[in-house]
C-alpha atoms as a PDB file:
ATOM      1  CA  MET A   1      63.465  21.110 -25.224  1.00  0.00           C
ATOM      2  CA  LYS A   2      60.833  22.557 -22.922  1.00  0.00           C
ATOM      3  CA  LYS A   3      58.638  20.168 -20.981  1.00  0.00           C
ATOM      4  CA  HIS A   4      55.379  21.312 -22.540  1.00  0.00           C
ATOM      5  CA  ARG A   5      56.763  21.004 -26.066  1.00  0.00           C
ATOM      6  CA  ARG A   6      58.044  17.498 -25.361  1.00  0.00           C
ATOM      7  CA  PHE A   7      54.703  16.538 -23.836  1.00  0.00           C
ATOM      8  CA  ASN A   8      52.801  17.854 -26.868  1.00  0.00           C
ATOM      9  CA  MET A   9      55.072  16.040 -29.311  1.00  0.00           C
ATOM     10  CA  THR A  10      54.749  12.776 -27.369  1.00  0.00           C
ATOM     11  CA  PHE A  11      50.992  13.205 -27.112  1.00  0.00           C
ATOM     12  CA  MET A  12      50.655  13.774 -30.861  1.00  0.00           C
ATOM     13  CA  ALA A  13      53.015  10.897 -31.664  1.00  0.00           C
ATOM     14  CA  VAL A  14      50.753   8.547 -29.703  1.00  0.00           C
ATOM     15  CA  THR A  15      47.347  10.020 -30.566  1.00  0.00           C
ATOM     16  CA  LEU A  16      47.570  10.502 -34.334  1.00  0.00           C
ATOM     17  CA  PRO A  17      48.675   6.954 -35.222  1.00  0.00           C
ATOM     18  CA  SER A  18      45.985   5.595 -32.901  1.00  0.00           C
ATOM     19  CA  LEU A  19      43.278   7.655 -34.607  1.00  0.00           C
ATOM     20  CA  VAL A  20      44.508   6.671 -38.055  1.00  0.00           C
ATOM     21  CA  THR A  21      44.543   2.989 -37.059  1.00  0.00           C
ATOM     22  CA  VAL A  22      40.986   3.117 -35.716  1.00  0.00           C
ATOM     23  CA  GLY A  23      39.812   5.008 -38.803  1.00  0.00           C
ATOM     24  CA  LEU A  24      41.363   2.497 -41.194  1.00  0.00           C
ATOM     25  CA  PHE A  25      39.892  -0.382 -39.193  1.00  0.00           C
ATOM     26  CA  ASN A  26      36.412   1.162 -39.396  1.00  0.00           C
ATOM     27  CA  LEU A  27      36.871   1.784 -43.104  1.00  0.00           C
ATOM     28  CA  ALA A  28      37.877  -1.832 -43.720  1.00  0.00           C
ATOM     29  CA  ILE A  29      35.194  -3.480 -41.585  1.00  0.00           C
ATOM     30  CA  ASP A  30      32.282  -1.016 -42.060  1.00  0.00           C
ATOM     31  CA  PRO A  31      29.735  -3.066 -40.044  1.00  0.00           C
ATOM     32  CA  TYR A  32      26.834  -0.831 -41.066  1.00  0.00           C
ATOM     33  CA  GLY A  33      27.645  -0.652 -44.782  1.00  0.00           C
ATOM     34  CA  VAL A  34      27.512   3.141 -44.704  1.00  0.00           C
ATOM     35  CA  ILE A  35      30.874   3.937 -46.288  1.00  0.00           C
ATOM     36  CA  ASP A  36      30.443   1.556 -49.258  1.00  0.00           C
ATOM     37  CA  SER A  37      33.817  -0.039 -48.673  1.00  0.00           C
ATOM     38  CA  PRO A  38      34.617  -3.011 -50.925  1.00  0.00           C
ATOM     39  CA  GLU A  39      33.623  -6.442 -49.644  1.00  0.00           C
ATOM     40  CA  ILE A  40      36.588  -8.579 -48.654  1.00  0.00           C
ATOM     41  CA  SER A  41      35.841 -12.281 -48.321  1.00  0.00           C
ATOM     42  CA  GLY A  42      36.202 -13.442 -44.729  1.00  0.00           C
ATOM     43  CA  LEU A  43      36.620  -9.923 -43.369  1.00  0.00           C
ATOM     44  CA  ASN A  44      33.539  -7.806 -43.945  1.00  0.00           C
ATOM     45  CA  GLU A  45      31.223  -9.733 -46.241  1.00  0.00           C
ATOM     46  CA  LEU A  46      28.576 -10.161 -43.513  1.00  0.00           C
ATOM     47  CA  ARG A  47      27.242  -6.852 -42.285  1.00  0.00           C
ATOM     48  CA  THR A  48      24.667  -8.059 -39.798  1.00  0.00           C
ATOM     49  CA  GLN A  49      24.223  -4.694 -38.111  1.00  0.00           C
ATOM     50  CA  LYS A  50      22.485  -3.398 -41.225  1.00  0.00           C
ATOM     51  CA  PHE A  51      19.518  -5.696 -40.624  1.00  0.00           C
ATOM     52  CA  HIS A  52      19.116  -4.739 -36.953  1.00  0.00           C
ATOM     53  CA  ASN A  53      19.001  -0.949 -37.457  1.00  0.00           C
ATOM     54  CA  VAL A  54      16.297  -0.443 -40.057  1.00  0.00           C
ATOM     55  CA  ARG A  55      15.573   3.173 -39.062  1.00  0.00           C
ATOM     56  CA  LEU A  56      19.175   4.198 -39.536  1.00  0.00           C
ATOM     57  CA  PHE A  57      19.395   2.643 -42.978  1.00  0.00           C
ATOM     58  CA  LYS A  58      16.166   4.121 -44.236  1.00  0.00           C
ATOM     59  CA  ALA A  59      17.698   7.555 -43.683  1.00  0.00           C
ATOM     60  CA  ILE A  60      20.971   6.534 -45.322  1.00  0.00           C
ATOM     61  CA  ASP A  61      19.195   4.996 -48.317  1.00  0.00           C
ATOM     62  CA  VAL A  62      17.329   8.262 -48.907  1.00  0.00           C
ATOM     63  CA  THR A  63      20.646  10.050 -49.368  1.00  0.00           C
ATOM     64  CA  ARG A  64      21.956   7.317 -51.691  1.00  0.00           C
ATOM     65  CA  VAL A  65      18.897   6.990 -53.912  1.00  0.00           C
ATOM     66  CA  GLU A  66      18.129  10.745 -54.052  1.00  0.00           C
ATOM     67  CA  PRO A  67      14.391  10.415 -54.788  1.00  0.00           C
ATOM     68  CA  LYS A  68      12.403  13.225 -56.418  1.00  0.00           C
ATOM     69  CA  THR A  69       9.510  12.792 -53.975  1.00  0.00           C
ATOM     70  CA  LEU A  70       9.571  11.659 -50.362  1.00  0.00           C
ATOM     71  CA  LEU A  71       6.442  10.778 -48.405  1.00  0.00           C
ATOM     72  CA  LEU A  72       6.741  10.941 -44.626  1.00  0.00           C
ATOM     73  CA  GLY A  73       4.353   9.613 -42.020  1.00  0.00           C
ATOM     74  CA  SER A  74       4.186   8.779 -38.349  1.00  0.00           C
ATOM     75  CA  SER A  75       1.983   5.708 -38.316  1.00  0.00           C
END
């Protein structure tokens, strides 16, 4: 097997499982409550980050609620 092919296969064999593991971890924990993952007692029932980032969650709630009218202001 050529060196570059072996390198690419090794790289993919290490990278893909790592990305999948991180993705599944983020899906399970979901500290911001954005993904609407189910609450698991003792694992992700407390999502404290949601209360510290009010601006982020106002934008996310707009997409969830889908209001007919939206009033915007700067003050």
